[in-house]
């Protein structure tokens, strides 16, 4: 009986932990100072996320082979989770609509939350001189990130 009780407690704690990640709770602080410095060296000073649902262990700035207003950063978590942050330092327009899109507000700015069945959830918005696209790549990963989590990350930008 004692083993069953302990097993039920362990499963309960596991479920509570998983639900915190998917509900935008339990975010981990991301120290973005080095990333901020690296982007300043590229001539941009955008706002950056300060929280993620997982610990970010590495990032890589993907540079196109030519001069571009598009700056892509791949942020990787402990277990291989990947968030992609694209920052445009020029105005962005979209033709048509994104799949499964919903209008949202991010720190007072109009934005769009969208879900792509293949690549996962994303948030798009413009703040000041920069247009941001935050995506979570779900391909091959068990970690589930939903709208509440994506919105919590987007709202942590400073």
Protein backbone atom coordinates (compact mmCIF):
# COMPACT_ATOMS: atom_id res chain seq x y z
CA UNK A 1 0.00 0.00 0.00
CA UNK A 2 2.84 2.33 0.88
CA UNK A 3 4.48 1.76 -2.55
CA UNK A 4 1.25 2.58 -4.36
CA UNK A 5 0.85 5.79 -2.36
CA UNK A 6 4.45 6.83 -3.13
CA UNK A 7 3.94 6.03 -6.80
CA UNK A 8 0.77 8.15 -6.90
CA UNK A 9 2.59 11.04 -5.20
CA UNK A 10 5.46 10.83 -7.70
CA UNK A 11 3.06 10.81 -10.66
CA UNK A 12 1.15 13.77 -9.17
CA UNK A 13 4.34 15.82 -8.79
CA UNK A 14 5.37 14.92 -12.33
CA UNK A 15 2.01 16.04 -13.71
CA UNK A 16 2.07 19.25 -11.70
CA UNK A 17 5.57 20.04 -13.03
CA UNK A 18 4.51 19.39 -16.64
CA UNK A 19 1.39 21.50 -16.33
CA UNK A 20 3.41 24.43 -14.97
CA UNK A 21 5.56 24.45 -18.12
CA UNK A 22 2.61 24.32 -20.48
CA UNK A 23 0.63 26.96 -18.59
CA UNK A 24 3.35 29.61 -18.64
CA UNK A 25 4.11 29.12 -14.96
CA UNK A 26 7.49 28.14 -13.55
CA UNK A 27 9.58 30.13 -16.00
CA UNK A 28 13.36 30.12 -15.63
CA UNK A 29 15.32 33.38 -15.74
CA UNK A 30 17.48 33.81 -18.84
CA UNK A 31 20.57 35.98 -18.45
CA UNK A 32 20.62 37.73 -21.82
CA UNK A 33 23.60 40.04 -21.14
CA UNK A 34 26.04 38.25 -23.47
CA UNK A 35 23.43 37.93 -26.22
CA UNK A 36 22.62 41.62 -25.83
CA UNK A 37 26.31 42.49 -26.20
CA UNK A 38 26.70 40.25 -29.27
CA UNK A 39 23.70 41.90 -30.95
CA UNK A 40 24.99 45.38 -30.10
CA UNK A 41 28.20 44.41 -31.92
CA UNK A 42 25.98 43.69 -34.96
CA UNK A 43 24.50 47.19 -34.69
CA UNK A 44 21.09 46.42 -33.14
CA UNK A 45 19.71 46.93 -29.63
CA UNK A 46 16.42 45.02 -29.47
CA UNK A 47 14.53 43.94 -26.40
CA UNK A 48 15.31 40.35 -25.43
CA UNK A 49 13.49 37.65 -23.49
CA UNK A 50 14.34 37.30 -19.82
CA UNK A 51 12.42 34.07 -19.11
CA UNK A 52 11.87 30.66 -20.72
CA UNK A 53 10.11 27.49 -19.53
CA UNK A 54 13.47 25.69 -19.60
CA UNK A 55 17.05 26.68 -18.83
CA UNK A 56 18.73 28.03 -21.95
CA UNK A 57 22.22 26.55 -22.13
CA UNK A 58 23.41 27.91 -25.46
CA UNK A 59 22.54 30.32 -28.24
CA UNK A 60 23.79 30.84 -31.75
CA UNK A 61 23.32 33.90 -33.92
CA UNK A 62 22.70 32.75 -37.47
CA UNK A 63 24.17 35.25 -39.94
CA UNK A 64 23.14 35.31 -43.58
CA UNK A 65 26.02 35.51 -46.08
CA UNK A 66 24.99 39.07 -47.01
CA UNK A 67 24.03 42.27 -45.19
CA UNK A 68 20.49 41.86 -43.87
CA UNK A 69 18.01 43.49 -41.48
CA UNK A 70 17.09 39.93 -40.34
CA UNK A 71 18.86 38.58 -37.25
CA UNK A 72 18.10 34.99 -36.27
CA UNK A 73 19.04 33.51 -32.90
CA UNK A 74 18.66 29.85 -32.00
CA UNK A 75 18.31 29.34 -28.24
CA UNK A 76 18.86 25.77 -27.04
CA UNK A 77 17.70 24.19 -23.79
CA UNK A 78 19.24 21.48 -21.62
CA UNK A 79 17.39 18.65 -23.36
CA UNK A 80 17.72 19.93 -26.92
CA UNK A 81 14.64 22.17 -26.88
CA UNK A 82 14.97 24.92 -29.49
CA UNK A 83 13.44 28.38 -29.50
CA UNK A 84 14.11 30.52 -32.56
CA UNK A 85 14.05 34.29 -32.20
CA UNK A 86 14.05 36.34 -35.39
CA UNK A 87 14.52 40.09 -35.06
CA UNK A 88 13.91 42.34 -38.05
CA UNK A 89 15.36 45.84 -37.90
CA UNK A 90 13.30 46.90 -40.94
CA UNK A 91 9.50 46.98 -41.39
CA UNK A 92 7.88 43.59 -42.05
CA UNK A 93 4.71 42.87 -43.99
CA UNK A 94 2.94 39.56 -44.50
CA UNK A 95 1.02 38.38 -47.53
CA UNK A 96 -2.07 36.39 -46.57
CA UNK A 97 -2.73 34.93 -43.15
CA UNK A 98 -0.77 32.56 -40.99
CA UNK A 99 -2.23 29.14 -40.21
CA UNK A 100 -4.35 28.94 -37.05
CA UNK A 101 -3.67 32.57 -36.11
CA UNK A 102 -5.10 34.60 -33.26
CA UNK A 103 -4.60 38.29 -32.50
CA UNK A 104 -2.86 38.96 -29.17
CA UNK A 105 -1.42 41.86 -27.15
CA UNK A 106 2.22 41.76 -26.07
CA UNK A 107 3.25 44.51 -23.68
CA UNK A 108 0.67 46.82 -25.26
CA UNK A 109 1.63 45.96 -28.86
CA UNK A 110 -0.55 44.20 -31.42
CA UNK A 111 0.67 40.74 -32.26
CA UNK A 112 -0.29 37.36 -33.62
CA UNK A 113 -0.10 33.93 -32.03
CA UNK A 114 -0.07 31.08 -34.55
CA UNK A 115 0.33 27.32 -34.47
CA UNK A 116 1.81 25.32 -37.30
CA UNK A 117 1.14 21.59 -36.99
CA UNK A 118 4.62 20.78 -38.25
CA UNK A 119 6.90 23.36 -36.64
CA UNK A 120 4.96 24.39 -33.53
CA UNK A 121 3.73 27.60 -31.88
CA UNK A 122 4.94 31.10 -32.73
CA UNK A 123 4.33 34.70 -31.73
CA UNK A 124 4.80 37.73 -34.04
CA UNK A 125 4.78 41.38 -32.96
CA UNK A 126 6.40 44.77 -33.50
CA UNK A 127 7.79 46.86 -30.66
CA UNK A 128 9.49 50.14 -31.50
CA UNK A 129 11.96 49.75 -34.36
CA UNK A 130 11.99 45.96 -34.26
CA UNK A 131 9.71 43.17 -35.46
CA UNK A 132 9.98 39.96 -33.44
CA UNK A 133 9.17 36.37 -34.30
CA UNK A 134 9.47 33.81 -31.51
CA UNK A 135 9.04 30.16 -32.47
CA UNK A 136 9.28 26.91 -30.56
CA UNK A 137 10.38 23.96 -32.66
CA UNK A 138 8.45 20.86 -31.66
CA UNK A 139 9.93 18.45 -34.19
CA UNK A 140 11.25 15.41 -32.31
CA UNK A 141 10.71 16.86 -28.84
CA UNK A 142 8.43 15.72 -26.04
CA UNK A 143 8.38 19.08 -24.22
CA UNK A 144 5.04 20.74 -24.91
CA UNK A 145 4.87 24.52 -25.06
CA UNK A 146 1.44 26.11 -25.48
CA UNK A 147 0.03 29.60 -26.04
CA UNK A 148 0.28 30.63 -22.38
CA UNK A 149 3.96 29.72 -22.28
CA UNK A 150 4.74 31.50 -25.55
CA UNK A 151 2.90 34.61 -24.35
CA UNK A 152 4.75 34.55 -21.02
CA UNK A 153 8.10 34.42 -22.84
CA UNK A 154 7.06 37.26 -25.19
CA UNK A 155 5.89 39.41 -22.28
CA UNK A 156 9.26 38.94 -20.53
CA UNK A 157 11.06 41.02 -23.18
CA UNK A 158 12.92 44.02 -21.81
